Protein backbone atom coordinates (compact mmCIF):
# COMPACT_ATOMS: atom_id res chain seq x y z
CA MET A 1 -89.20 -74.96 -11.67
CA ASN A 2 -91.88 -75.90 -9.14
CA PHE A 3 -94.22 -73.49 -7.38
CA LEU A 4 -92.30 -73.61 -4.10
CA ASP A 5 -89.06 -72.64 -5.76
CA PRO A 6 -87.86 -69.44 -3.98
CA LEU A 7 -87.13 -67.69 -7.27
CA ALA A 8 -90.63 -68.35 -8.64
CA LEU A 9 -92.19 -67.21 -5.37
CA ALA A 10 -90.06 -64.03 -5.36
CA ILE A 11 -91.09 -63.23 -8.94
CA LEU A 12 -94.76 -63.84 -8.11
CA LEU A 13 -94.56 -61.57 -5.04
CA LEU A 14 -92.77 -58.87 -7.08
CA ALA A 15 -95.50 -58.96 -9.76
CA ALA A 16 -98.23 -58.83 -7.10
CA GLY A 17 -96.51 -55.88 -5.41
CA CYS A 18 -96.30 -53.95 -8.69
CA LEU A 19 -99.94 -54.69 -9.48
CA LEU A 20 -101.05 -53.56 -6.03
CA ALA A 21 -98.93 -50.38 -6.31
CA VAL A 22 -100.72 -49.55 -9.57
CA LEU A 23 -104.11 -50.29 -8.02
CA GLU A 24 -103.30 -48.03 -5.04
CA VAL A 25 -102.93 -45.10 -7.42
CA PHE A 26 -106.35 -45.56 -9.01
CA ILE A 27 -108.50 -47.06 -6.26
CA PRO A 28 -109.07 -44.99 -3.12
CA SER A 29 -108.37 -47.36 -0.24
CA GLY A 30 -106.94 -45.15 2.46
CA GLY A 31 -103.51 -46.72 1.95
CA ILE A 32 -104.57 -50.33 2.56
CA ILE A 33 -103.67 -51.45 -0.97
CA GLY A 34 -100.39 -49.54 -0.75
CA PHE A 35 -99.59 -51.29 2.52
CA LEU A 36 -100.29 -54.67 0.90
CA ALA A 37 -98.09 -53.67 -2.06
CA ALA A 38 -95.25 -52.81 0.29
CA LEU A 39 -95.69 -56.14 2.13
CA CYS A 40 -95.54 -58.07 -1.17
CA LEU A 41 -92.42 -56.21 -2.29
CA ILE A 42 -90.67 -56.72 1.05
CA ALA A 43 -91.65 -60.41 1.07
CA SER A 44 -90.27 -60.71 -2.46
CA LEU A 45 -86.94 -59.28 -1.31
CA VAL A 46 -86.81 -61.55 1.76
CA VAL A 47 -87.49 -64.67 -0.35
CA ALA A 48 -84.90 -63.58 -2.93
CA PHE A 49 -82.25 -62.98 -0.25
CA ARG A 50 -83.02 -66.38 1.33
CA ARG A 51 -82.13 -67.97 -2.03
CA ASP A 52 -78.79 -66.13 -2.25
CA VAL A 53 -77.32 -62.63 -1.93
CA THR A 54 -76.89 -62.07 -5.68
CA THR A 55 -80.55 -62.83 -6.34
CA GLY A 56 -81.54 -60.55 -3.46
CA LEU A 57 -79.50 -57.66 -4.87
CA ALA A 58 -80.97 -58.28 -8.32
CA PHE A 59 -84.47 -58.13 -6.84
CA ILE A 60 -83.69 -54.87 -5.05
CA THR A 61 -82.70 -53.42 -8.43
CA MET A 62 -85.86 -54.80 -10.02
CA VAL A 63 -88.06 -53.32 -7.27
CA VAL A 64 -86.42 -49.91 -7.63
CA ILE A 65 -86.99 -50.00 -11.39
CA ALA A 66 -90.21 -52.04 -11.76
CA VAL A 67 -92.50 -50.16 -9.37
CA PRO A 68 -91.95 -46.66 -10.84
CA VAL A 69 -92.14 -48.04 -14.40
CA ALA A 70 -95.38 -49.89 -13.64
CA VAL A 71 -96.98 -46.83 -12.05
CA GLY A 72 -95.74 -44.59 -14.88
CA LEU A 73 -97.15 -46.91 -17.54
CA ALA A 74 -100.43 -47.05 -15.66
CA PHE A 75 -100.68 -43.25 -15.72
CA LYS A 76 -99.85 -43.26 -19.43
CA VAL A 77 -102.47 -45.90 -20.32
CA TRP A 78 -105.20 -45.02 -17.79
CA PRO A 79 -106.77 -42.07 -19.69
CA TYR A 80 -107.53 -44.43 -22.60
CA THR A 81 -109.24 -47.10 -20.49
CA PRO A 82 -113.04 -47.08 -19.97
CA MET A 83 -112.56 -46.17 -16.28
CA GLY A 84 -110.13 -43.38 -17.17
CA LYS A 85 -112.47 -41.98 -19.83
CA ALA A 86 -115.36 -42.03 -17.37
CA PHE A 87 -113.30 -40.25 -14.73
CA LEU A 88 -111.51 -37.70 -16.94
CA GLY A 89 -114.07 -37.33 -19.70
CA GLU A 90 -113.13 -37.27 -23.36
CA LEU A 91 -109.79 -35.71 -24.20
CA PRO A 92 -110.12 -32.61 -26.42
CA THR A 93 -109.21 -33.00 -30.07
CA GLU A 94 -106.53 -30.97 -31.80
CA ALA A 95 -109.19 -28.90 -33.56
CA GLU A 96 -110.84 -28.00 -30.24
CA VAL A 97 -107.66 -26.62 -28.68
CA ALA A 98 -106.28 -24.94 -31.81
CA PRO A 99 -106.66 -21.16 -31.98
CA ASP A 100 -109.26 -19.70 -34.30
CA ASP A 101 -108.22 -18.97 -37.89
CA GLU A 102 -108.17 -15.23 -37.27
CA ARG A 103 -105.28 -15.49 -34.82
CA ARG A 104 -103.33 -17.97 -36.97
CA SER A 105 -103.34 -15.46 -39.80
CA LEU A 106 -101.31 -13.06 -37.62
CA VAL A 107 -98.05 -15.00 -38.09
CA GLY A 108 -95.63 -12.86 -40.08
CA ARG A 109 -97.65 -9.66 -39.60
CA THR A 110 -96.03 -6.56 -38.18
CA GLY A 111 -97.08 -4.01 -35.61
CA ILE A 112 -95.96 -1.63 -32.89
CA ALA A 113 -95.57 -2.42 -29.18
CA LYS A 114 -98.03 -0.20 -27.30
CA SER A 115 -96.90 -1.09 -23.77
CA LEU A 116 -93.74 -2.27 -22.08
CA MET A 117 -93.53 -6.02 -22.71
CA LEU A 118 -91.98 -7.81 -19.71
CA PRO A 119 -92.63 -10.33 -21.38
CA SER A 120 -96.34 -9.70 -22.04
CA GLY A 121 -98.04 -6.53 -23.15
CA SER A 122 -100.12 -4.94 -25.92
CA VAL A 123 -99.25 -4.75 -29.59
CA ALA A 124 -101.10 -2.78 -32.29
CA ILE A 125 -101.43 -4.83 -35.47
CA GLU A 126 -103.45 -3.36 -38.32
CA GLY A 127 -105.20 -0.96 -35.97
CA ARG A 128 -106.20 -3.65 -33.43
CA LEU A 129 -104.76 -4.00 -29.93
CA ILE A 130 -103.69 -7.58 -29.25
CA ASP A 131 -102.25 -9.11 -26.10
CA ALA A 132 -98.86 -10.59 -26.94
CA VAL A 133 -95.76 -12.10 -25.35
CA SER A 134 -92.21 -11.14 -26.30
CA GLN A 135 -89.80 -13.78 -27.51
CA GLY A 136 -87.04 -13.27 -24.98
CA ALA A 137 -85.98 -9.76 -23.93
CA ALA A 138 -88.22 -6.90 -22.91
CA ILE A 139 -89.66 -4.73 -25.68
CA GLU A 140 -90.08 -0.99 -25.18
CA PRO A 141 -93.30 0.83 -26.20
CA GLY A 142 -93.17 2.11 -29.77
CA THR A 143 -90.80 -0.63 -30.93
CA PRO A 144 -91.73 -2.28 -34.24
CA VAL A 145 -92.50 -5.99 -33.75
CA VAL A 146 -93.13 -9.06 -35.91
CA VAL A 147 -95.53 -11.90 -34.97
CA VAL A 148 -93.45 -15.08 -34.83
CA GLU A 149 -95.92 -17.69 -33.61
CA VAL A 150 -99.49 -18.17 -32.44
CA ARG A 151 -99.99 -21.11 -30.10
CA ALA A 152 -103.27 -21.70 -28.27
CA ASN A 153 -104.16 -18.23 -26.97
CA ARG A 154 -100.64 -16.73 -27.03
CA VAL A 155 -99.30 -14.42 -29.71
CA LEU A 156 -95.49 -14.49 -29.66
CA VAL A 157 -93.66 -11.43 -31.05
CA ARG A 158 -90.04 -10.37 -31.53
CA PRO A 159 -88.56 -6.92 -32.15
CA ALA A 160 -88.15 -6.07 -35.83
CA GLU A 161 -84.60 -5.57 -37.05
CA GLY A 162 -82.95 -3.07 -39.42
CA ASP A 163 -84.84 -2.32 -42.67
CA GLU A 164 -87.77 -4.37 -41.43
CA ALA A 165 -88.24 -1.95 -38.50
CA GLN A 166 -88.05 1.13 -40.74
CA GLN A 167 -90.64 -0.33 -43.11
CA ILE A 168 -93.01 -1.06 -40.21
CA VAL A 169 -92.70 2.48 -38.85
CA ALA A 170 -93.39 3.90 -42.31
CA GLU A 171 -96.46 1.66 -42.74
CA GLN A 172 -97.89 2.40 -39.30
CA GLY A 173 -97.28 6.14 -39.33
CA ASP A 174 -98.76 8.43 -36.71
CA VAL A 175 -102.34 7.34 -36.09
CA LEU A 176 -103.45 10.76 -34.84
CA SER A 177 -102.36 12.50 -38.02
CA LYS A 178 -104.46 10.25 -40.31
CA PRO A 179 -107.87 11.42 -41.52
CA ILE A 180 -110.86 9.60 -40.05
CA GLU A 181 -111.88 8.26 -43.47
CA ASP A 182 -108.71 6.11 -43.50
CA PHE A 183 -110.08 4.09 -40.59
CA GLY A 184 -113.11 2.83 -42.50
CA LEU A 185 -115.64 4.53 -40.27
CA GLU A 186 -118.85 5.45 -42.00
CA SER A 187 -120.30 8.88 -41.48
CA PHE A 188 -122.81 9.04 -38.71
CA GLU A 189 -125.53 11.43 -37.74
CA ASP A 190 -125.27 13.45 -34.59
CA PRO A 191 -127.74 11.85 -32.15
CA LEU A 192 -128.26 15.17 -30.38
CA ALA A 193 -129.24 17.07 -33.51
């Protein structure tokens, strides 16, 4: 296979076109590199069709597949290259994006919906109001709920069912009927006295 063989030239032009298409994505050129990529790809098809029709059709298929794959792989690999790291900065670690331990401990806890959840709203869990998202259907205020999952900054809840709901209502009780000592507030002096 010598260098002037039409098949070798078509393959070389196809590779150059893919490389230029990848470069166009990452180097601002005002479309000049993209234009050169298109010229290389078209020239590759012309050379392939001059060899024979079957080769030309095969190269059309390769162009349709190779260019998107090359650009997709470039996007996948680019954040890990020195240029990608300089442009994007360091990617956050799992520990940096994980919710704090306090929220993770909410999974499995129960509470009462304090607002209409369509799908987000407020839930009272152990006397604290927490923003939450319902797992599916709307939840009416006063409905007992169970925390299903905590991901990033979202607390996902579902309505409690059957005996579970009755137990939650019994645990929560009516907040206004409880004595103030049950809330853990220390006595305080009247500032006006």
